[in-house]
N, C-alpha and C. Protein backbone atom coordinates (compact mmCIF):
# COMPACT_ATOMS: atom_id res chain seq x y z
N MET A 1 -27.32 40.07 -8.78
CA MET A 1 -27.02 39.39 -10.09
C MET A 1 -25.56 39.31 -10.25
N ILE A 2 -24.71 40.46 -9.98
CA ILE A 2 -23.39 40.46 -10.25
C ILE A 2 -22.72 39.47 -9.26
N THR A 3 -23.29 39.37 -8.09
CA THR A 3 -22.79 38.46 -7.12
C THR A 3 -22.87 37.05 -7.52
N LYS A 4 -24.02 36.79 -8.17
CA LYS A 4 -24.25 35.31 -8.67
C LYS A 4 -23.16 35.04 -9.65
N LYS A 5 -23.07 35.90 -10.63
CA LYS A 5 -21.83 35.82 -11.75
C LYS A 5 -20.50 35.70 -11.13
N ILE A 6 -20.21 36.35 -10.10
CA ILE A 6 -18.94 36.37 -9.67
C ILE A 6 -18.75 35.06 -8.90
N LEU A 7 -19.69 34.65 -8.14
CA LEU A 7 -19.81 33.33 -7.40
C LEU A 7 -19.64 32.19 -8.47
N ILE A 8 -20.16 32.16 -9.62
CA ILE A 8 -20.15 31.11 -10.59
C ILE A 8 -18.80 31.15 -11.16
N ILE A 9 -18.22 32.27 -11.50
CA ILE A 9 -16.74 32.35 -12.06
C ILE A 9 -15.89 31.69 -10.99
N VAL A 10 -16.05 32.01 -9.64
CA VAL A 10 -15.19 31.54 -8.66
C VAL A 10 -15.25 30.19 -8.60
N VAL A 11 -16.33 29.57 -8.59
CA VAL A 11 -16.58 28.09 -8.59
C VAL A 11 -15.90 27.45 -9.83
N VAL A 12 -16.27 28.05 -11.01
CA VAL A 12 -15.63 27.38 -12.27
C VAL A 12 -14.04 27.46 -12.09
N LEU A 13 -13.42 28.50 -11.71
CA LEU A 13 -11.94 28.60 -11.49
C LEU A 13 -11.47 27.58 -10.48
N VAL A 14 -12.21 27.47 -9.37
CA VAL A 14 -11.74 26.50 -8.48
C VAL A 14 -11.77 24.96 -8.96
N VAL A 15 -12.89 24.70 -9.58
CA VAL A 15 -13.09 23.29 -10.03
C VAL A 15 -12.10 23.17 -11.09
N SER A 16 -11.66 24.10 -12.04
CA SER A 16 -10.75 23.96 -13.02
C SER A 16 -9.30 23.83 -12.57
N ALA A 17 -8.94 24.51 -11.48
CA ALA A 17 -7.71 24.31 -10.87
C ALA A 17 -7.55 22.92 -10.22
N ILE A 18 -8.47 22.40 -9.53
CA ILE A 18 -8.53 21.03 -8.94
C ILE A 18 -8.52 20.09 -10.07
N GLY A 19 -9.14 20.25 -11.27
CA GLY A 19 -9.09 19.28 -12.25
C GLY A 19 -7.66 19.31 -12.91
N ILE A 20 -7.17 20.32 -13.23
CA ILE A 20 -5.80 20.44 -13.58
C ILE A 20 -4.74 19.80 -12.75
N LYS A 21 -4.76 20.05 -11.31
CA LYS A 21 -3.89 19.44 -10.47
C LYS A 21 -4.12 17.95 -10.37
N ALA A 22 -5.32 17.41 -10.59
CA ALA A 22 -5.45 16.14 -10.53
C ALA A 22 -5.03 15.36 -11.92
N PHE A 23 -5.25 16.12 -12.97
CA PHE A 23 -4.69 15.56 -14.26
C PHE A 23 -3.15 15.45 -14.34
N ALA A 24 -2.56 16.67 -13.70
CA ALA A 24 -1.03 16.53 -13.60
C ALA A 24 -0.60 15.65 -12.71
N HIS A 25 -1.16 15.36 -11.72
CA HIS A 25 -0.68 14.30 -10.66
C HIS A 25 -0.79 12.87 -11.36
N SER A 26 -1.94 12.81 -12.13
CA SER A 26 -2.08 11.30 -12.76
C SER A 26 -0.97 11.01 -13.72
N ARG A 27 -0.42 12.09 -14.31
CA ARG A 27 0.62 12.10 -15.41
C ARG A 27 2.08 11.81 -14.94
N ILE A 28 2.27 11.75 -13.61
CA ILE A 28 3.57 11.59 -12.93
C ILE A 28 3.89 10.08 -13.24
N SER A 29 5.06 9.90 -13.61
CA SER A 29 5.52 8.45 -13.76
C SER A 29 5.60 7.73 -12.46
N ARG A 30 5.46 6.43 -12.65
CA ARG A 30 5.53 5.43 -11.54
C ARG A 30 6.90 5.69 -10.89
N GLU A 31 7.91 5.84 -11.37
CA GLU A 31 9.17 5.92 -10.81
C GLU A 31 9.27 7.11 -10.17
N THR A 32 8.78 8.28 -10.50
CA THR A 32 8.64 9.48 -9.77
C THR A 32 7.94 9.32 -8.46
N LYS A 33 6.78 8.74 -8.69
CA LYS A 33 5.90 8.62 -7.59
C LYS A 33 6.66 7.68 -6.46
N VAL A 34 7.27 6.64 -6.98
CA VAL A 34 8.15 5.86 -5.96
C VAL A 34 9.22 6.50 -5.27
N LYS A 35 9.89 7.31 -6.18
CA LYS A 35 10.87 8.04 -5.62
C LYS A 35 10.54 8.93 -4.47
N HIS A 36 9.43 9.50 -4.70
CA HIS A 36 8.80 10.59 -3.67
C HIS A 36 8.47 9.72 -2.44
N ILE A 37 7.83 8.67 -2.65
CA ILE A 37 7.64 7.78 -1.41
C ILE A 37 8.79 7.33 -0.64
N THR A 38 9.71 6.97 -1.40
CA THR A 38 11.10 6.59 -0.88
C THR A 38 11.78 7.56 -0.11
N ASP A 39 11.76 8.77 -0.74
CA ASP A 39 12.33 10.01 -0.09
C ASP A 39 11.70 10.26 1.34
N LYS A 40 10.21 10.19 1.25
CA LYS A 40 9.65 10.32 2.58
C LYS A 40 10.00 9.22 3.59
N MET A 41 10.20 8.05 3.06
CA MET A 41 10.64 6.89 4.04
C MET A 41 12.03 7.27 4.56
N THR A 42 12.95 7.83 3.68
CA THR A 42 14.24 8.05 4.05
C THR A 42 14.18 9.10 5.19
N GLN A 43 13.49 10.12 5.12
CA GLN A 43 13.42 11.08 6.10
C GLN A 43 12.89 10.49 7.49
N LYS A 44 11.65 9.71 7.38
CA LYS A 44 11.07 9.37 8.50
C LYS A 44 11.90 8.17 9.27
N LEU A 45 12.63 7.44 8.40
CA LEU A 45 13.35 6.35 9.05
C LEU A 45 14.79 6.52 9.10
N SER A 46 15.33 7.61 8.78
CA SER A 46 16.72 7.89 8.65
C SER A 46 17.56 6.80 7.98
N LEU A 47 17.21 6.49 6.58
CA LEU A 47 17.75 5.50 5.92
C LEU A 47 19.27 5.71 5.51
N THR A 48 20.10 4.80 5.43
CA THR A 48 21.44 5.11 4.73
C THR A 48 21.33 5.09 3.16
N GLY A 49 22.39 5.38 2.58
CA GLY A 49 22.23 5.42 1.08
C GLY A 49 21.97 4.19 0.46
N GLU A 50 22.70 3.08 1.16
CA GLU A 50 22.39 1.76 0.62
C GLU A 50 21.00 1.28 0.87
N GLN A 51 20.59 1.68 2.11
CA GLN A 51 19.21 1.20 2.33
C GLN A 51 18.20 1.93 1.47
N LYS A 52 18.47 3.14 1.20
CA LYS A 52 17.46 3.93 0.27
C LYS A 52 17.40 3.25 -1.13
N ALA A 53 18.58 2.92 -1.54
CA ALA A 53 18.66 2.29 -2.88
C ALA A 53 17.71 0.94 -2.76
N LEU A 54 18.00 0.23 -1.96
CA LEU A 54 17.16 -1.18 -1.72
C LEU A 54 15.61 -0.98 -1.55
N VAL A 55 15.41 0.15 -0.74
CA VAL A 55 13.93 0.39 -0.36
C VAL A 55 13.27 0.87 -1.62
N PHE A 56 14.06 1.66 -2.50
CA PHE A 56 13.43 2.18 -3.71
C PHE A 56 13.06 1.03 -4.65
N GLN A 57 13.95 -0.06 -4.64
CA GLN A 57 13.71 -1.15 -5.54
C GLN A 57 12.47 -2.00 -5.01
N ILE A 58 12.29 -2.07 -3.70
CA ILE A 58 11.24 -2.81 -3.05
C ILE A 58 10.06 -2.04 -3.43
N ASN A 59 10.05 -0.67 -3.19
CA ASN A 59 8.82 0.09 -3.44
C ASN A 59 8.34 -0.08 -4.92
N LEU A 60 9.34 -0.13 -5.79
CA LEU A 60 9.07 -0.13 -7.17
C LEU A 60 8.48 -1.45 -7.70
N GLU A 61 8.99 -2.46 -7.02
CA GLU A 61 8.35 -3.93 -7.33
C GLU A 61 6.85 -3.93 -6.82
N ARG A 62 6.61 -3.20 -5.47
CA ARG A 62 5.30 -3.17 -5.00
C ARG A 62 4.33 -2.47 -6.00
N ALA A 63 4.86 -1.24 -6.52
CA ALA A 63 3.99 -0.53 -7.34
C ALA A 63 3.76 -1.45 -8.80
N GLN A 64 4.72 -2.09 -9.20
CA GLN A 64 4.61 -2.84 -10.39
C GLN A 64 3.58 -3.86 -10.11
N ALA A 65 3.65 -4.46 -8.95
CA ALA A 65 2.70 -5.54 -8.55
C ALA A 65 1.28 -4.97 -8.56
N HIS A 66 1.04 -3.82 -8.02
CA HIS A 66 -0.23 -3.24 -8.07
C HIS A 66 -0.83 -2.85 -9.41
N VAL A 67 0.14 -2.56 -10.23
CA VAL A 67 -0.36 -2.17 -11.76
C VAL A 67 -0.79 -3.46 -12.27
N GLU A 68 -0.16 -4.75 -12.08
CA GLU A 68 -0.59 -6.02 -12.50
C GLU A 68 -1.85 -6.37 -11.90
N ALA A 69 -2.05 -6.00 -10.59
CA ALA A 69 -3.41 -6.35 -10.04
C ALA A 69 -4.47 -5.43 -10.69
N CYS A 70 -4.27 -4.34 -10.90
CA CYS A 70 -5.16 -3.62 -11.57
C CYS A 70 -5.59 -3.95 -12.96
N LYS A 71 -4.53 -4.63 -13.78
CA LYS A 71 -4.86 -4.99 -15.12
C LYS A 71 -5.74 -6.27 -15.00
N GLN A 72 -5.48 -7.01 -13.87
CA GLN A 72 -6.37 -8.20 -13.66
C GLN A 72 -7.64 -7.95 -12.99
N GLY A 73 -8.02 -6.85 -12.86
CA GLY A 73 -9.38 -6.52 -12.12
C GLY A 73 -9.17 -6.28 -10.72
N ARG A 74 -8.08 -5.53 -10.23
CA ARG A 74 -7.89 -5.41 -8.81
C ARG A 74 -8.04 -6.61 -7.76
N LYS A 75 -7.42 -7.60 -8.20
CA LYS A 75 -7.62 -8.92 -7.37
C LYS A 75 -6.93 -8.63 -6.01
N LYS A 76 -7.73 -8.71 -5.03
CA LYS A 76 -7.36 -8.69 -3.72
C LYS A 76 -6.23 -9.51 -3.25
N GLY A 77 -6.24 -10.69 -3.87
CA GLY A 77 -5.22 -11.73 -3.39
C GLY A 77 -3.90 -11.17 -3.97
N LEU A 78 -3.71 -10.71 -5.11
CA LEU A 78 -2.55 -10.31 -5.67
C LEU A 78 -1.98 -8.91 -4.89
N ILE A 79 -2.98 -8.15 -4.64
CA ILE A 79 -2.58 -6.89 -3.60
C ILE A 79 -1.99 -7.30 -2.39
N ARG A 80 -2.79 -8.30 -1.74
CA ARG A 80 -2.34 -8.73 -0.31
C ARG A 80 -0.82 -9.34 -0.45
N ASN A 81 -0.69 -10.06 -1.56
CA ASN A 81 0.62 -10.75 -1.81
C ASN A 81 1.62 -9.74 -1.97
N ALA A 82 1.36 -8.66 -2.75
CA ALA A 82 2.29 -7.56 -2.99
C ALA A 82 2.73 -7.06 -1.65
N VAL A 83 1.76 -6.61 -0.95
CA VAL A 83 2.00 -5.92 0.37
C VAL A 83 2.83 -6.81 1.37
N ALA A 84 2.44 -8.13 1.36
CA ALA A 84 3.13 -9.08 2.19
C ALA A 84 4.57 -9.22 1.89
N LYS A 85 4.75 -9.27 0.49
CA LYS A 85 6.24 -9.41 0.10
C LYS A 85 7.11 -8.09 0.29
N TRP A 86 6.27 -7.04 0.22
CA TRP A 86 6.86 -5.66 0.45
C TRP A 86 7.35 -5.55 1.87
N LYS A 87 6.45 -5.98 2.74
CA LYS A 87 6.67 -6.00 4.14
C LYS A 87 8.03 -6.85 4.48
N SER A 88 7.99 -8.10 3.94
CA SER A 88 9.16 -9.10 4.27
C SER A 88 10.45 -8.55 3.67
N ASP A 89 10.30 -8.14 2.49
CA ASP A 89 11.63 -7.54 1.92
C ASP A 89 12.08 -6.32 2.79
N LEU A 90 11.21 -5.46 3.22
CA LEU A 90 11.66 -4.31 4.02
C LEU A 90 12.28 -4.84 5.37
N LYS A 91 11.71 -5.68 5.96
CA LYS A 91 12.24 -6.43 7.17
C LYS A 91 13.73 -6.79 7.08
N GLN A 92 13.94 -7.25 5.84
CA GLN A 92 15.34 -7.71 5.74
C GLN A 92 16.38 -6.50 5.46
N VAL A 93 15.91 -5.39 5.09
CA VAL A 93 16.79 -4.09 4.85
C VAL A 93 16.77 -3.31 6.02
N LEU A 94 15.67 -3.13 6.84
CA LEU A 94 15.66 -2.18 7.85
C LEU A 94 16.02 -2.90 9.13
N ASN A 95 16.61 -1.88 9.97
CA ASN A 95 16.89 -2.49 11.38
C ASN A 95 15.64 -2.53 12.16
N ALA A 96 15.72 -2.95 13.57
CA ALA A 96 14.59 -3.25 14.37
C ALA A 96 13.81 -1.82 14.62
N GLU A 97 14.66 -0.82 14.91
CA GLU A 97 14.08 0.56 15.21
C GLU A 97 13.28 1.09 13.95
N GLN A 98 13.97 1.00 12.84
CA GLN A 98 13.22 1.49 11.58
C GLN A 98 11.96 0.56 11.18
N ALA A 99 12.05 -0.71 11.44
CA ALA A 99 10.85 -1.43 11.19
C ALA A 99 9.71 -0.98 12.24
N GLN A 100 10.13 -0.86 13.31
CA GLN A 100 9.11 -0.45 14.42
C GLN A 100 8.56 0.80 14.09
N LYS A 101 9.39 1.82 13.64
CA LYS A 101 8.69 3.19 13.06
C LYS A 101 7.73 3.12 12.17
N LEU A 102 8.16 2.14 11.17
CA LEU A 102 7.10 1.84 9.98
C LEU A 102 6.03 0.88 10.40
N LYS A 103 6.09 0.35 11.35
CA LYS A 103 5.07 -0.59 12.09
C LYS A 103 4.87 -1.75 11.08
N ILE A 104 5.92 -2.36 10.80
CA ILE A 104 5.79 -3.64 10.02
C ILE A 104 6.33 -4.78 10.87
């Protein structure tokens, strides 16, 4: 009986912790998320300071386009256009080696 109670308490605690983490993650601002993505890209691609600033703006535009697509009912065409524009803009900023690492 005690084992069942302990098991239930542990399950409730784990589920609560997961829920809190998910809630906290959803509350992060779009700019913070884009900054995190850009930082990862900077590490992976060895971006210069100038490239990092441009990539941040490109990533922010893509995020905003995704928000607009969600507002309009997750239109696949809008998302495809946003990704295509993102890739095109990145190709103008990145050198050939960086673009190859990113596989665009």
